[in-house]
Structure formats: C-alpha cells, structure tokens
Amino acid sequence: DGFFSVNLDAVRTGLRGSNDENVRWNM
C-alpha cells in the first residue's frame, strides 16, 4: 500500500549491536 516496515533495532555501520539507546537514536 505504499508503506514498508523498518526494523527499529537496525544497526548503522560502525556499531556492534542494538540496545535501548540505538532504538532511541533510530527514532
């Protein structure tokens, strides 16, 4: 429908893994 879902735990290049702070910055 023109929308796609994204994973809020996605990790940008240079980071090892996700946590609460990673989710906040993605938001």
mmCIF file of all heavy atoms, coordinates in Angstrom:
data_MODEL
# 
_entry.id   MODEL 
# 
loop_
_atom_site.group_PDB 
_atom_site.id 
_atom_site.type_symbol 
_atom_site.label_atom_id 
_atom_site.label_alt_id 
_atom_site.label_comp_id 
_atom_site.label_asym_id 
_atom_site.label_entity_id 
_atom_site.label_seq_id 
_atom_site.pdbx_PDB_ins_code 
_atom_site.Cartn_x 
_atom_site.Cartn_y 
_atom_site.Cartn_z 
_atom_site.occupancy 
_atom_site.B_iso_or_equiv 
_atom_site.pdbx_formal_charge 
_atom_site.auth_seq_id 
_atom_site.auth_comp_id 
_atom_site.auth_asym_id 
_atom_site.auth_atom_id 
_atom_site.pdbx_PDB_model_num 
ATOM 1   N N   . ASP A 1 1  ? 0.820  -1.218 0.000  1.00 0.00 ? 1  ASP A N   1 
ATOM 2   C CA  . ASP A 1 1  ? 0.000  0.000  0.000  1.00 0.00 ? 1  ASP A CA  1 
ATOM 3   C C   . ASP A 1 1  ? 0.852  1.264  0.000  1.00 0.00 ? 1  ASP A C   1 
ATOM 4   O O   . ASP A 1 1  ? 0.387  2.346  0.362  1.00 0.00 ? 1  ASP A O   1 
ATOM 5   C CB  . ASP A 1 1  ? -0.895 0.011  1.241  1.00 0.00 ? 1  ASP A CB  1 
ATOM 6   C CG  . ASP A 1 1  ? -0.122 -0.191 2.534  1.00 0.00 ? 1  ASP A CG  1 
ATOM 7   O OD1 . ASP A 1 1  ? 1.118  -0.283 2.457  1.00 0.00 ? 1  ASP A OD1 1 
ATOM 8   O OD2 . ASP A 1 1  ? -0.757 -0.246 3.607  1.00 0.00 ? 1  ASP A OD2 1 
ATOM 9   N N   . GLY A 1 2  ? 2.109  1.138  -0.425 1.00 0.00 ? 2  GLY A N   1 
ATOM 10  C CA  . GLY A 1 2  ? 2.987  2.301  -0.437 1.00 0.00 ? 2  GLY A CA  1 
ATOM 11  C C   . GLY A 1 2  ? 3.791  2.458  0.839  1.00 0.00 ? 2  GLY A C   1 
ATOM 12  O O   . GLY A 1 2  ? 4.698  3.282  0.899  1.00 0.00 ? 2  GLY A O   1 
ATOM 13  N N   . PHE A 1 3  ? 3.452  1.664  1.862  1.00 0.00 ? 3  PHE A N   1 
ATOM 14  C CA  . PHE A 1 3  ? 4.197  1.686  3.112  1.00 0.00 ? 3  PHE A CA  1 
ATOM 15  C C   . PHE A 1 3  ? 5.108  0.471  3.189  1.00 0.00 ? 3  PHE A C   1 
ATOM 16  O O   . PHE A 1 3  ? 4.811  -0.573 2.613  1.00 0.00 ? 3  PHE A O   1 
ATOM 17  C CB  . PHE A 1 3  ? 3.249  1.658  4.322  1.00 0.00 ? 3  PHE A CB  1 
ATOM 18  C CG  . PHE A 1 3  ? 2.593  2.975  4.623  1.00 0.00 ? 3  PHE A CG  1 
ATOM 19  C CD1 . PHE A 1 3  ? 1.425  3.340  3.973  1.00 0.00 ? 3  PHE A CD1 1 
ATOM 20  C CD2 . PHE A 1 3  ? 3.137  3.837  5.560  1.00 0.00 ? 3  PHE A CD2 1 
ATOM 21  C CE1 . PHE A 1 3  ? 0.804  4.555  4.257  1.00 0.00 ? 3  PHE A CE1 1 
ATOM 22  C CE2 . PHE A 1 3  ? 2.530  5.041  5.846  1.00 0.00 ? 3  PHE A CE2 1 
ATOM 23  C CZ  . PHE A 1 3  ? 1.365  5.410  5.200  1.00 0.00 ? 3  PHE A CZ  1 
ATOM 24  N N   . PHE A 1 4  ? 6.202  0.600  3.900  1.00 0.00 ? 4  PHE A N   1 
ATOM 25  C CA  . PHE A 1 4  ? 7.026  -0.556 4.221  1.00 0.00 ? 4  PHE A CA  1 
ATOM 26  C C   . PHE A 1 4  ? 7.434  -0.447 5.692  1.00 0.00 ? 4  PHE A C   1 
ATOM 27  O O   . PHE A 1 4  ? 7.505  0.650  6.260  1.00 0.00 ? 4  PHE A O   1 
ATOM 28  C CB  . PHE A 1 4  ? 8.260  -0.667 3.316  1.00 0.00 ? 4  PHE A CB  1 
ATOM 29  C CG  . PHE A 1 4  ? 9.144  0.553  3.282  1.00 0.00 ? 4  PHE A CG  1 
ATOM 30  C CD1 . PHE A 1 4  ? 10.113 0.773  4.265  1.00 0.00 ? 4  PHE A CD1 1 
ATOM 31  C CD2 . PHE A 1 4  ? 9.018  1.484  2.262  1.00 0.00 ? 4  PHE A CD2 1 
ATOM 32  C CE1 . PHE A 1 4  ? 10.925 1.881  4.237  1.00 0.00 ? 4  PHE A CE1 1 
ATOM 33  C CE2 . PHE A 1 4  ? 9.831  2.612  2.220  1.00 0.00 ? 4  PHE A CE2 1 
ATOM 34  C CZ  . PHE A 1 4  ? 10.790 2.809  3.214  1.00 0.00 ? 4  PHE A CZ  1 
ATOM 35  N N   . SER A 1 5  ? 7.669  -1.579 6.310  1.00 0.00 ? 5  SER A N   1 
ATOM 36  C CA  . SER A 1 5  ? 8.064  -1.583 7.716  1.00 0.00 ? 5  SER A CA  1 
ATOM 37  C C   . SER A 1 5  ? 9.581  -1.534 7.812  1.00 0.00 ? 5  SER A C   1 
ATOM 38  O O   . SER A 1 5  ? 10.294 -1.996 6.925  1.00 0.00 ? 5  SER A O   1 
ATOM 39  C CB  . SER A 1 5  ? 7.532  -2.829 8.419  1.00 0.00 ? 5  SER A CB  1 
ATOM 40  O OG  . SER A 1 5  ? 8.080  -3.995 7.829  1.00 0.00 ? 5  SER A OG  1 
ATOM 41  N N   . VAL A 1 6  ? 10.074 -0.936 8.908  1.00 0.00 ? 6  VAL A N   1 
ATOM 42  C CA  . VAL A 1 6  ? 11.514 -0.898 9.164  1.00 0.00 ? 6  VAL A CA  1 
ATOM 43  C C   . VAL A 1 6  ? 11.772 -1.503 10.540 1.00 0.00 ? 6  VAL A C   1 
ATOM 44  O O   . VAL A 1 6  ? 10.892 -1.509 11.407 1.00 0.00 ? 6  VAL A O   1 
ATOM 45  C CB  . VAL A 1 6  ? 12.078 0.536  9.101  1.00 0.00 ? 6  VAL A CB  1 
ATOM 46  C CG1 . VAL A 1 6  ? 11.990 1.093  7.701  1.00 0.00 ? 6  VAL A CG1 1 
ATOM 47  C CG2 . VAL A 1 6  ? 11.378 1.453  10.103 1.00 0.00 ? 6  VAL A CG2 1 
ATOM 48  N N   . ASN A 1 7  ? 12.963 -2.000 10.724 1.00 0.00 ? 7  ASN A N   1 
ATOM 49  C CA  . ASN A 1 7  ? 13.358 -2.620 11.980 1.00 0.00 ? 7  ASN A CA  1 
ATOM 50  C C   . ASN A 1 7  ? 14.035 -1.574 12.866 1.00 0.00 ? 7  ASN A C   1 
ATOM 51  O O   . ASN A 1 7  ? 15.128 -1.103 12.555 1.00 0.00 ? 7  ASN A O   1 
ATOM 52  C CB  . ASN A 1 7  ? 14.307 -3.786 11.698 1.00 0.00 ? 7  ASN A CB  1 
ATOM 53  C CG  . ASN A 1 7  ? 14.749 -4.485 12.972 1.00 0.00 ? 7  ASN A CG  1 
ATOM 54  O OD1 . ASN A 1 7  ? 14.253 -4.192 14.059 1.00 0.00 ? 7  ASN A OD1 1 
ATOM 55  N ND2 . ASN A 1 7  ? 15.689 -5.411 12.837 1.00 0.00 ? 7  ASN A ND2 1 
ATOM 56  N N   . LEU A 1 8  ? 13.383 -1.197 13.983 1.00 0.00 ? 8  LEU A N   1 
ATOM 57  C CA  . LEU A 1 8  ? 13.949 -0.175 14.857 1.00 0.00 ? 8  LEU A CA  1 
ATOM 58  C C   . LEU A 1 8  ? 15.252 -0.622 15.507 1.00 0.00 ? 8  LEU A C   1 
ATOM 59  O O   . LEU A 1 8  ? 15.999 0.209  16.040 1.00 0.00 ? 8  LEU A O   1 
ATOM 60  C CB  . LEU A 1 8  ? 12.935 0.207  15.945 1.00 0.00 ? 8  LEU A CB  1 
ATOM 61  C CG  . LEU A 1 8  ? 11.821 1.157  15.513 1.00 0.00 ? 8  LEU A CG  1 
ATOM 62  C CD1 . LEU A 1 8  ? 10.819 1.359  16.632 1.00 0.00 ? 8  LEU A CD1 1 
ATOM 63  C CD2 . LEU A 1 8  ? 12.402 2.494  15.072 1.00 0.00 ? 8  LEU A CD2 1 
ATOM 64  N N   . ASP A 1 9  ? 15.540 -1.894 15.486 1.00 0.00 ? 9  ASP A N   1 
ATOM 65  C CA  . ASP A 1 9  ? 16.809 -2.389 16.028 1.00 0.00 ? 9  ASP A CA  1 
ATOM 66  C C   . ASP A 1 9  ? 17.922 -2.381 14.980 1.00 0.00 ? 9  ASP A C   1 
ATOM 67  O O   . ASP A 1 9  ? 19.034 -2.856 15.265 1.00 0.00 ? 9  ASP A O   1 
ATOM 68  C CB  . ASP A 1 9  ? 16.638 -3.812 16.570 1.00 0.00 ? 9  ASP A CB  1 
ATOM 69  C CG  . ASP A 1 9  ? 16.044 -3.827 17.965 1.00 0.00 ? 9  ASP A CG  1 
ATOM 70  O OD1 . ASP A 1 9  ? 16.491 -3.024 18.792 1.00 0.00 ? 9  ASP A OD1 1 
ATOM 71  O OD2 . ASP A 1 9  ? 15.125 -4.629 18.206 1.00 0.00 ? 9  ASP A OD2 1 
ATOM 72  N N   . ALA A 1 10 ? 17.645 -1.860 13.791 1.00 0.00 ? 10 ALA A N   1 
ATOM 73  C CA  . ALA A 1 10 ? 18.672 -1.819 12.749 1.00 0.00 ? 10 ALA A CA  1 
ATOM 74  C C   . ALA A 1 10 ? 19.911 -1.079 13.252 1.00 0.00 ? 10 ALA A C   1 
ATOM 75  O O   . ALA A 1 10 ? 19.803 -0.063 13.953 1.00 0.00 ? 10 ALA A O   1 
ATOM 76  C CB  . ALA A 1 10 ? 18.121 -1.145 11.499 1.00 0.00 ? 10 ALA A CB  1 
ATOM 77  N N   . VAL A 1 11 ? 21.086 -1.579 12.895 1.00 0.00 ? 11 VAL A N   1 
ATOM 78  C CA  . VAL A 1 11 ? 22.350 -1.028 13.409 1.00 0.00 ? 11 VAL A CA  1 
ATOM 79  C C   . VAL A 1 11 ? 23.122 -0.388 12.267 1.00 0.00 ? 11 VAL A C   1 
ATOM 80  O O   . VAL A 1 11 ? 23.390 -1.037 11.245 1.00 0.00 ? 11 VAL A O   1 
ATOM 81  C CB  . VAL A 1 11 ? 23.199 -2.138 14.067 1.00 0.00 ? 11 VAL A CB  1 
ATOM 82  C CG1 . VAL A 1 11 ? 24.523 -1.563 14.568 1.00 0.00 ? 11 VAL A CG1 1 
ATOM 83  C CG2 . VAL A 1 11 ? 22.427 -2.795 15.200 1.00 0.00 ? 11 VAL A CG2 1 
ATOM 84  N N   . ARG A 1 12 ? 23.447 0.895  12.443 1.00 0.00 ? 12 ARG A N   1 
ATOM 85  C CA  . ARG A 1 12 ? 24.210 1.593  11.405 1.00 0.00 ? 12 ARG A CA  1 
ATOM 86  C C   . ARG A 1 12 ? 25.647 1.076  11.366 1.00 0.00 ? 12 ARG A C   1 
ATOM 87  O O   . ARG A 1 12 ? 26.148 0.454  12.318 1.00 0.00 ? 12 ARG A O   1 
ATOM 88  C CB  . ARG A 1 12 ? 24.211 3.105  11.659 1.00 0.00 ? 12 ARG A CB  1 
ATOM 89  C CG  . ARG A 1 12 ? 24.971 3.534  12.893 1.00 0.00 ? 12 ARG A CG  1 
ATOM 90  C CD  . ARG A 1 12 ? 25.202 5.039  12.910 1.00 0.00 ? 12 ARG A CD  1 
ATOM 91  N NE  . ARG A 1 12 ? 25.821 5.490  14.144 1.00 0.00 ? 12 ARG A NE  1 
ATOM 92  C CZ  . ARG A 1 12 ? 27.101 5.430  14.418 1.00 0.00 ? 12 ARG A CZ  1 
ATOM 93  N NH1 . ARG A 1 12 ? 27.932 4.882  13.533 1.00 0.00 ? 12 ARG A NH1 1 
ATOM 94  N NH2 . ARG A 1 12 ? 27.567 5.877  15.569 1.00 0.00 ? 12 ARG A NH2 1 
ATOM 95  N N   . THR A 1 13 ? 26.331 1.362  10.274 1.00 0.00 ? 13 THR A N   1 
ATOM 96  C CA  . THR A 1 13 ? 27.735 0.984  10.116 1.00 0.00 ? 13 THR A CA  1 
ATOM 97  C C   . THR A 1 13 ? 28.572 1.614  11.227 1.00 0.00 ? 13 THR A C   1 
ATOM 98  O O   . THR A 1 13 ? 28.447 2.804  11.521 1.00 0.00 ? 13 THR A O   1 
ATOM 99  C CB  . THR A 1 13 ? 28.265 1.464  8.745  1.00 0.00 ? 13 THR A CB  1 
ATOM 100 O OG1 . THR A 1 13 ? 27.445 0.902  7.713  1.00 0.00 ? 13 THR A OG1 1 
ATOM 101 C CG2 . THR A 1 13 ? 29.707 1.032  8.549  1.00 0.00 ? 13 THR A CG2 1 
ATOM 102 N N   . GLY A 1 14 ? 29.407 0.796  11.845 1.00 0.00 ? 14 GLY A N   1 
ATOM 103 C CA  . GLY A 1 14 ? 30.275 1.294  12.911 1.00 0.00 ? 14 GLY A CA  1 
ATOM 104 C C   . GLY A 1 14 ? 29.828 0.904  14.299 1.00 0.00 ? 14 GLY A C   1 
ATOM 105 O O   . GLY A 1 14 ? 30.585 1.070  15.262 1.00 0.00 ? 14 GLY A O   1 
ATOM 106 N N   . LEU A 1 15 ? 28.588 0.387  14.425 1.00 0.00 ? 15 LEU A N   1 
ATOM 107 C CA  . LEU A 1 15 ? 28.094 -0.066 15.723 1.00 0.00 ? 15 LEU A CA  1 
ATOM 108 C C   . LEU A 1 15 ? 28.059 -1.589 15.756 1.00 0.00 ? 15 LEU A C   1 
ATOM 109 O O   . LEU A 1 15 ? 27.837 -2.236 14.737 1.00 0.00 ? 15 LEU A O   1 
ATOM 110 C CB  . LEU A 1 15 ? 26.690 0.488  16.004 1.00 0.00 ? 15 LEU A CB  1 
ATOM 111 C CG  . LEU A 1 15 ? 26.568 1.998  16.227 1.00 0.00 ? 15 LEU A CG  1 
ATOM 112 C CD1 . LEU A 1 15 ? 25.119 2.354  16.543 1.00 0.00 ? 15 LEU A CD1 1 
ATOM 113 C CD2 . LEU A 1 15 ? 27.475 2.467  17.359 1.00 0.00 ? 15 LEU A CD2 1 
ATOM 114 N N   . ARG A 1 16 ? 28.224 -2.159 16.964 1.00 0.00 ? 16 ARG A N   1 
ATOM 115 C CA  . ARG A 1 16 ? 28.278 -3.620 17.088 1.00 0.00 ? 16 ARG A CA  1 
ATOM 116 C C   . ARG A 1 16 ? 26.899 -4.255 17.196 1.00 0.00 ? 16 ARG A C   1 
ATOM 117 O O   . ARG A 1 16 ? 26.662 -5.334 16.671 1.00 0.00 ? 16 ARG A O   1 
ATOM 118 C CB  . ARG A 1 16 ? 29.123 -4.001 18.309 1.00 0.00 ? 16 ARG A CB  1 
ATOM 119 C CG  . ARG A 1 16 ? 30.591 -3.648 18.162 1.00 0.00 ? 16 ARG A CG  1 
ATOM 120 C CD  . ARG A 1 16 ? 31.386 -4.139 19.350 1.00 0.00 ? 16 ARG A CD  1 
ATOM 121 N NE  . ARG A 1 16 ? 32.811 -3.892 19.186 1.00 0.00 ? 16 ARG A NE  1 
ATOM 122 C CZ  . ARG A 1 16 ? 33.740 -4.231 20.073 1.00 0.00 ? 16 ARG A CZ  1 
ATOM 123 N NH1 . ARG A 1 16 ? 33.368 -4.859 21.194 1.00 0.00 ? 16 ARG A NH1 1 
ATOM 124 N NH2 . ARG A 1 16 ? 35.003 -3.969 19.868 1.00 0.00 ? 16 ARG A NH2 1 
ATOM 125 N N   . GLY A 1 17 ? 25.996 -3.607 17.944 1.00 0.00 ? 17 GLY A N   1 
ATOM 126 C CA  . GLY A 1 17 ? 24.690 -4.219 18.144 1.00 0.00 ? 17 GLY A CA  1 
ATOM 127 C C   . GLY A 1 17 ? 23.692 -3.197 18.659 1.00 0.00 ? 17 GLY A C   1 
ATOM 128 O O   . GLY A 1 17 ? 24.029 -2.056 18.950 1.00 0.00 ? 17 GLY A O   1 
ATOM 129 N N   . SER A 1 18 ? 22.441 -3.647 18.789 1.00 0.00 ? 18 SER A N   1 
ATOM 130 C CA  . SER A 1 18 ? 21.382 -2.735 19.195 1.00 0.00 ? 18 SER A CA  1 
ATOM 131 C C   . SER A 1 18 ? 21.154 -2.779 20.701 1.00 0.00 ? 18 SER A C   1 
ATOM 132 O O   . SER A 1 18 ? 21.472 -3.758 21.372 1.00 0.00 ? 18 SER A O   1 
ATOM 133 C CB  . SER A 1 18 ? 20.081 -3.086 18.473 1.00 0.00 ? 18 SER A CB  1 
ATOM 134 O OG  . SER A 1 18 ? 19.061 -2.151 18.787 1.00 0.00 ? 18 SER A OG  1 
ATOM 135 N N   . ASN A 1 19 ? 20.599 -1.675 21.225 1.00 0.00 ? 19 ASN A N   1 
ATOM 136 C CA  . ASN A 1 19 ? 20.162 -1.585 22.609 1.00 0.00 ? 19 ASN A CA  1 
ATOM 137 C C   . ASN A 1 19 ? 19.106 -0.485 22.681 1.00 0.00 ? 19 ASN A C   1 
ATOM 138 O O   . ASN A 1 19 ? 18.692 0.057  21.647 1.00 0.00 ? 19 ASN A O   1 
ATOM 139 C CB  . ASN A 1 19 ? 21.343 -1.291 23.551 1.00 0.00 ? 19 ASN A CB  1 
ATOM 140 C CG  . ASN A 1 19 ? 22.138 -0.065 23.113 1.00 0.00 ? 19 ASN A CG  1 
ATOM 141 O OD1 . ASN A 1 19 ? 21.612 0.830  22.443 1.00 0.00 ? 19 ASN A OD1 1 
ATOM 142 N ND2 . ASN A 1 19 ? 23.402 -0.025 23.488 1.00 0.00 ? 19 ASN A ND2 1 
ATOM 143 N N   . ASP A 1 20 ? 18.659 -0.141 23.892 1.00 0.00 ? 20 ASP A N   1 
ATOM 144 C CA  . ASP A 1 20 ? 17.638 0.893  24.035 1.00 0.00 ? 20 ASP A CA  1 
ATOM 145 C C   . ASP A 1 20 ? 18.077 2.208  23.401 1.00 0.00 ? 20 ASP A C   1 
ATOM 146 O O   . ASP A 1 20 ? 17.292 2.892  22.753 1.00 0.00 ? 20 ASP A O   1 
ATOM 147 C CB  . ASP A 1 20 ? 17.333 1.155  25.519 1.00 0.00 ? 20 ASP A CB  1 
ATOM 148 C CG  . ASP A 1 20 ? 16.658 -0.031 26.177 1.00 0.00 ? 20 ASP A CG  1 
ATOM 149 O OD1 . ASP A 1 20 ? 16.329 -0.991 25.458 1.00 0.00 ? 20 ASP A OD1 1 
ATOM 150 O OD2 . ASP A 1 20 ? 16.468 -0.005 27.408 1.00 0.00 ? 20 ASP A OD2 1 
ATOM 151 N N   . GLU A 1 21 ? 19.337 2.560  23.606 1.00 0.00 ? 21 GLU A N   1 
ATOM 152 C CA  . GLU A 1 21 ? 19.833 3.835  23.087 1.00 0.00 ? 21 GLU A CA  1 
ATOM 153 C C   . GLU A 1 21 ? 19.861 3.826  21.559 1.00 0.00 ? 21 GLU A C   1 
ATOM 154 O O   . GLU A 1 21 ? 19.554 4.839  20.907 1.00 0.00 ? 21 GLU A O   1 
ATOM 155 C CB  . GLU A 1 21 ? 21.239 4.100  23.645 1.00 0.00 ? 21 GLU A CB  1 
ATOM 156 C CG  . GLU A 1 21 ? 21.740 5.514  23.440 1.00 0.00 ? 21 GLU A CG  1 
ATOM 157 C CD  . GLU A 1 21 ? 20.941 6.565  24.202 1.00 0.00 ? 21 GLU A CD  1 
ATOM 158 O OE1 . GLU A 1 21 ? 20.134 6.195  25.085 1.00 0.00 ? 21 GLU A OE1 1 
ATOM 159 O OE2 . GLU A 1 21 ? 21.122 7.753  23.897 1.00 0.00 ? 21 GLU A OE2 1 
ATOM 160 N N   . ASN A 1 22 ? 20.196 2.699  20.957 1.00 0.00 ? 22 ASN A N   1 
ATOM 161 C CA  . ASN A 1 22 ? 20.192 2.599  19.496 1.00 0.00 ? 22 ASN A CA  1 
ATOM 162 C C   . ASN A 1 22 ? 18.786 2.806  18.944 1.00 0.00 ? 22 ASN A C   1 
ATOM 163 O O   . ASN A 1 22 ? 18.596 3.506  17.929 1.00 0.00 ? 22 ASN A O   1 
ATOM 164 C CB  . ASN A 1 22 ? 20.732 1.229  19.070 1.00 0.00 ? 22 ASN A CB  1 
ATOM 165 C CG  . ASN A 1 22 ? 20.768 1.070  17.567 1.00 0.00 ? 22 ASN A CG  1 
ATOM 166 O OD1 . ASN A 1 22 ? 21.434 1.820  16.859 1.00 0.00 ? 22 ASN A OD1 1 
ATOM 167 N ND2 . ASN A 1 22 ? 20.011 0.104  17.051 1.00 0.00 ? 22 ASN A ND2 1 
ATOM 168 N N   . VAL A 1 23 ? 17.773 2.218  19.613 1.00 0.00 ? 23 VAL A N   1 
ATOM 169 C CA  . VAL A 1 23 ? 16.386 2.390  19.182 1.00 0.00 ? 23 VAL A CA  1 
ATOM 170 C C   . VAL A 1 23 ? 15.991 3.865  19.276 1.00 0.00 ? 23 VAL A C   1 
ATOM 171 O O   . VAL A 1 23 ? 15.344 4.411  18.368 1.00 0.00 ? 23 VAL A O   1 
ATOM 172 C CB  . VAL A 1 23 ? 15.441 1.519  20.031 1.00 0.00 ? 23 VAL A CB  1 
ATOM 173 C CG1 . VAL A 1 23 ? 13.980 1.846  19.732 1.00 0.00 ? 23 VAL A CG1 1 
ATOM 174 C CG2 . VAL A 1 23 ? 15.706 0.046  19.773 1.00 0.00 ? 23 VAL A CG2 1 
ATOM 175 N N   . ARG A 1 24 ? 16.384 4.534  20.374 1.00 0.00 ? 24 ARG A N   1 
ATOM 176 C CA  . ARG A 1 24 ? 16.048 5.958  20.530 1.00 0.00 ? 24 ARG A CA  1 
ATOM 177 C C   . ARG A 1 24 ? 16.644 6.795  19.404 1.00 0.00 ? 24 ARG A C   1 
ATOM 178 O O   . ARG A 1 24 ? 15.995 7.678  18.856 1.00 0.00 ? 24 ARG A O   1 
ATOM 179 C CB  . ARG A 1 24 ? 16.544 6.473  21.881 1.00 0.00 ? 24 ARG A CB  1 
ATOM 180 C CG  . ARG A 1 24 ? 15.777 5.935  23.077 1.00 0.00 ? 24 ARG A CG  1 
ATOM 181 C CD  . ARG A 1 24 ? 16.159 6.697  24.343 1.00 0.00 ? 24 ARG A CD  1 
ATOM 182 N NE  . ARG A 1 24 ? 15.477 6.143  25.490 1.00 0.00 ? 24 ARG A NE  1 
ATOM 183 C CZ  . ARG A 1 24 ? 15.983 5.249  26.317 1.00 0.00 ? 24 ARG A CZ  1 
ATOM 184 N NH1 . ARG A 1 24 ? 17.201 4.779  26.092 1.00 0.00 ? 24 ARG A NH1 1 
ATOM 185 N NH2 . ARG A 1 24 ? 15.294 4.803  27.341 1.00 0.00 ? 24 ARG A NH2 1 
ATOM 186 N N   . TRP A 1 25 ? 17.899 6.526  19.076 1.00 0.00 ? 25 TRP A N   1 
ATOM 187 C CA  . TRP A 1 25 ? 18.536 7.316  18.022 1.00 0.00 ? 25 TRP A CA  1 
ATOM 188 C C   . TRP A 1 25 ? 17.953 6.995  16.645 1.00 0.00 ? 25 TRP A C   1 
ATOM 189 O O   . TRP A 1 25 ? 17.860 7.879  15.784 1.00 0.00 ? 25 TRP A O   1 
ATOM 190 C CB  . TRP A 1 25 ? 20.051 7.098  18.046 1.00 0.00 ? 25 TRP A CB  1 
ATOM 191 C CG  . TRP A 1 25 ? 20.723 7.920  19.107 1.00 0.00 ? 25 TRP A CG  1 
ATOM 192 C CD1 . TRP A 1 25 ? 21.197 7.493  20.305 1.00 0.00 ? 25 TRP A CD1 1 
ATOM 193 C CD2 . TRP A 1 25 ? 20.939 9.334  19.071 1.00 0.00 ? 25 TRP A CD2 1 
ATOM 194 N NE1 . TRP A 1 25 ? 21.706 8.545  21.020 1.00 0.00 ? 25 TRP A NE1 1 
ATOM 195 C CE2 . TRP A 1 25 ? 21.563 9.684  20.292 1.00 0.00 ? 25 TRP A CE2 1 
ATOM 196 C CE3 . TRP A 1 25 ? 20.675 10.333 18.145 1.00 0.00 ? 25 TRP A CE3 1 
ATOM 197 C CZ2 . TRP A 1 25 ? 21.932 11.000 20.584 1.00 0.00 ? 25 TRP A CZ2 1 
ATOM 198 C CZ3 . TRP A 1 25 ? 21.035 11.644 18.443 1.00 0.00 ? 25 TRP A CZ3 1 
ATOM 199 C CH2 . TRP A 1 25 ? 21.653 11.967 19.651 1.00 0.00 ? 25 TRP A CH2 1 
ATOM 200 N N   . ASN A 1 26 ? 17.561 5.761  16.411 1.00 0.00 ? 26 ASN A N   1 
ATOM 201 C CA  . ASN A 1 26 ? 16.863 5.443  15.161 1.00 0.00 ? 26 ASN A CA  1 
ATOM 202 C C   . ASN A 1 26 ? 15.548 6.205  15.072 1.00 0.00 ? 26 ASN A C   1 
ATOM 203 O O   . ASN A 1 26 ? 15.175 6.716  14.012 1.00 0.00 ? 26 ASN A O   1 
ATOM 204 C CB  . ASN A 1 26 ? 16.605 3.939  15.056 1.00 0.00 ? 26 ASN A CB  1 
ATOM 205 C CG  . ASN A 1 26 ? 17.830 3.167  14.601 1.00 0.00 ? 26 ASN A CG  1 
ATOM 206 O OD1 . ASN A 1 26 ? 18.768 3.753  14.047 1.00 0.00 ? 26 ASN A OD1 1 
ATOM 207 N ND2 . ASN A 1 26 ? 17.847 1.867  14.834 1.00 0.00 ? 26 ASN A ND2 1 
ATOM 208 N N   . MET A 1 27 ? 14.841 6.284  16.219 1.00 0.00 ? 27 MET A N   1 
ATOM 209 C CA  . MET A 1 27 ? 13.599 7.055  16.242 1.00 0.00 ? 27 MET A CA  1 
ATOM 210 C C   . MET A 1 27 ? 13.877 8.526  15.958 1.00 0.00 ? 27 MET A C   1 
ATOM 211 O O   . MET A 1 27 ? 13.126 9.193  15.244 1.00 0.00 ? 27 MET A O   1 
ATOM 212 C CB  . MET A 1 27 ? 12.917 6.917  17.608 1.00 0.00 ? 27 MET A CB  1 
ATOM 213 C CG  . MET A 1 27 ? 12.180 5.614  17.814 1.00 0.00 ? 27 MET A CG  1 
ATOM 214 S SD  . MET A 1 27 ? 10.797 5.405  16.657 1.00 0.00 ? 27 MET A SD  1 
ATOM 215 C CE  . MET A 1 27 ? 9.928  6.949  16.886 1.00 0.00 ? 27 MET A CE  1 
# 
